[in-house]
Protein backbone atom coordinates (compact mmCIF):
# COMPACT_ATOMS: atom_id res chain seq x y z
CA MET A 1 121.95 92.34 76.54
CA LEU A 2 120.94 89.13 75.63
CA THR A 3 123.18 86.05 73.81
CA GLN A 4 122.70 84.16 71.10
CA ASN A 5 121.88 81.29 72.78
CA GLN A 6 119.63 83.60 74.60
CA VAL A 7 117.40 84.60 71.19
CA ILE A 8 117.52 81.22 69.96
CA GLN A 9 116.11 79.81 72.89
CA LEU A 10 113.50 82.65 72.93
CA THR A 11 112.79 82.32 69.49
CA GLN A 12 111.78 78.63 70.81
CA ALA A 13 109.76 79.72 73.54
CA ILE A 14 107.59 82.61 71.86
CA LYS A 15 106.93 79.85 68.59
CA ASP A 16 106.49 77.53 71.68
CA GLN A 17 103.44 79.73 73.95
CA SER A 18 101.80 80.93 71.21
CA ASN A 19 98.46 80.68 70.16
CA THR A 20 96.44 81.75 67.19
CA ASN A 21 93.18 81.83 68.90
CA SER A 22 93.70 84.14 71.80
CA LYS A 23 92.02 88.08 71.80
CA PHE A 24 96.26 89.05 73.41
CA TYR A 25 98.07 86.79 70.40
CA GLY A 26 100.28 89.60 68.97
CA ARG A 27 98.53 92.53 70.93
CA LEU A 28 99.88 94.84 72.73
CA LEU A 29 99.65 94.59 76.12
CA GLU A 30 100.27 96.15 79.75
CA TRP A 31 99.65 96.69 83.49
CA SER A 32 101.20 98.08 86.32
CA ASP A 33 102.64 97.84 90.11
CA ILE A 34 104.06 100.80 90.66
CA THR A 35 104.71 101.95 87.24
CA ASN A 36 102.89 100.46 83.88
CA HIS A 37 104.79 97.59 82.08
CA TYR A 38 104.21 96.76 78.39
CA GLY A 39 104.39 93.51 76.21
CA ILE A 40 103.23 91.46 73.20
CA GLY A 41 100.43 89.07 73.74
CA LEU A 42 101.47 85.10 72.94
CA SER A 43 98.13 83.62 74.14
CA ASP A 44 95.62 83.21 76.95
CA GLU A 45 98.28 81.94 79.57
CA TYR A 46 101.57 83.69 78.59
CA LEU A 47 102.71 87.39 77.57
CA PHE A 48 106.58 88.33 76.38
CA SER A 49 108.10 90.69 78.71
CA THR A 50 109.74 93.57 77.09
CA GLY A 51 111.95 95.01 80.50
CA GLU A 52 115.29 94.91 81.14
CA PHE A 53 114.95 90.74 81.17
CA PRO A 54 113.09 90.19 77.81
CA ASP A 55 111.34 86.79 78.93
CA LEU A 56 108.23 84.59 78.58
CA LEU A 57 105.86 85.52 81.36
CA PRO A 58 103.01 84.31 82.79
CA MET A 59 99.87 85.87 82.74
CA PHE A 60 97.75 84.53 85.15
CA LYS A 61 100.81 86.58 87.57
CA TYR A 62 98.76 90.13 85.92
CA GLN A 63 95.66 88.93 85.23
CA ASP A 64 94.02 91.20 87.23
CA LYS A 65 95.80 94.10 85.96
CA LEU A 66 96.29 92.92 82.17
CA LYS A 67 94.60 94.73 79.28
CA LEU A 68 94.65 95.38 75.76
CA THR A 69 96.45 98.94 74.66
CA PRO A 70 94.69 100.25 72.79
CA THR A 71 96.36 101.52 69.37
CA LYS A 72 96.57 100.81 65.85
CA ALA A 73 98.41 97.83 65.89
CA LEU A 74 99.44 95.90 63.03
CA LYS A 75 98.64 92.17 62.31
CA PRO A 76 99.11 89.73 64.86
CA ASN A 77 101.23 87.54 62.65
CA LEU A 78 103.12 90.32 61.61
CA VAL A 79 103.93 91.65 65.18
CA ILE A 80 104.66 88.26 67.07
CA GLU A 81 107.12 88.01 62.88
CA ARG A 82 108.67 91.45 64.18
CA LEU A 83 109.05 90.62 68.22
CA ILE A 84 111.14 87.14 67.00
CA TYR A 85 113.47 89.39 64.54
CA ALA A 86 113.10 92.44 67.95
CA LEU A 87 115.22 89.68 69.56
CA ASP A 88 118.17 89.89 67.98
CA CYS A 89 117.93 93.63 66.39
CA PHE A 90 118.48 94.53 69.52
CA LYS A 91 120.29 91.89 72.00
CA ASP A 92 123.33 94.34 72.57
CA TRP A 93 121.18 97.07 73.17
CA HIS A 94 121.03 98.18 77.05
CA TYR A 95 117.88 98.72 79.00
CA GLY A 96 116.66 103.15 80.07
CA LEU A 97 114.14 104.04 82.27
CA LEU A 98 114.01 107.23 79.50
CA GLY A 99 115.95 105.99 75.92
CA TRP A 100 114.67 102.44 75.98
CA ASN A 101 112.49 100.82 78.14
CA CYS A 102 109.56 97.74 77.33
CA GLU A 103 107.04 100.41 75.81
CA HIS A 104 109.32 101.79 73.50
CA TYR A 105 110.63 98.51 73.01
CA ALA A 106 106.62 96.91 72.83
CA ARG A 107 105.33 99.61 70.79
CA LEU A 108 107.94 99.38 68.11
CA VAL A 109 107.17 95.51 67.81
CA ALA A 110 103.41 96.35 67.35
CA THR A 111 102.13 99.74 65.67
CA ASN A 112 106.23 100.78 63.90
CA GLU A 113 106.87 103.87 66.74
CA ALA A 114 109.43 103.10 68.99
CA LEU A 115 107.56 105.80 72.42
CA SER A 116 107.47 105.86 75.35
CA TYR A 117 103.81 107.21 76.01
CA GLN A 118 104.59 107.20 80.06
CA VAL A 119 108.25 109.19 79.07
CA LYS A 120 106.38 111.63 76.94
CA LEU A 121 103.95 113.07 79.72
CA SER A 122 107.16 113.13 82.52
CA PRO A 123 108.79 116.26 82.65
CA LEU A 124 112.00 114.02 82.13
CA ALA A 125 110.75 114.19 78.24
CA PHE A 126 112.95 116.81 77.08
CA LEU A 127 116.28 114.82 77.92
CA ASN A 128 115.13 111.69 75.23
CA ASN A 129 113.91 113.57 72.75
CA GLY A 130 109.59 114.01 73.58
CA GLY A 131 109.69 109.90 74.73
CA TYR A 132 110.79 109.38 71.37
CA ASN A 133 113.61 106.79 70.35
CA PRO A 134 114.27 107.54 66.06
CA ASP A 135 118.00 104.89 66.41
CA ALA A 136 114.90 102.00 66.83
CA VAL A 137 112.58 103.24 64.34
CA ARG A 138 115.87 103.39 62.10
CA VAL A 139 118.09 100.08 63.23
CA PHE A 140 114.34 97.85 62.96
């Protein structure tokens, strides 16, 4: 959950750290450690992590693991606009591995589809609409 002040600060940070010339700008990104994580690229140095505590993370921490997620994403400028809108729209939502995780959030912002393939392909998919969050699309 984010406070209104955090939404304002993150919005400004997204604007400050964005670089439209970066190959990562406005792109759906993923990286792995124990599990896959998802976020939205802002520049060659920063990404926005859509995990439990949304934050700007420097990419150099993930450069060796970072990859562009193959998907039919929206145009990068629109993705960044949607990312900023999503901060306020979902500021009161609770993170949950099955129902509202970093992949749901990032895919909704980048593709307008609140789907987690990690959940969809897991044996627990039946617990949450096969990995899809229908409420997120409606609210957004």
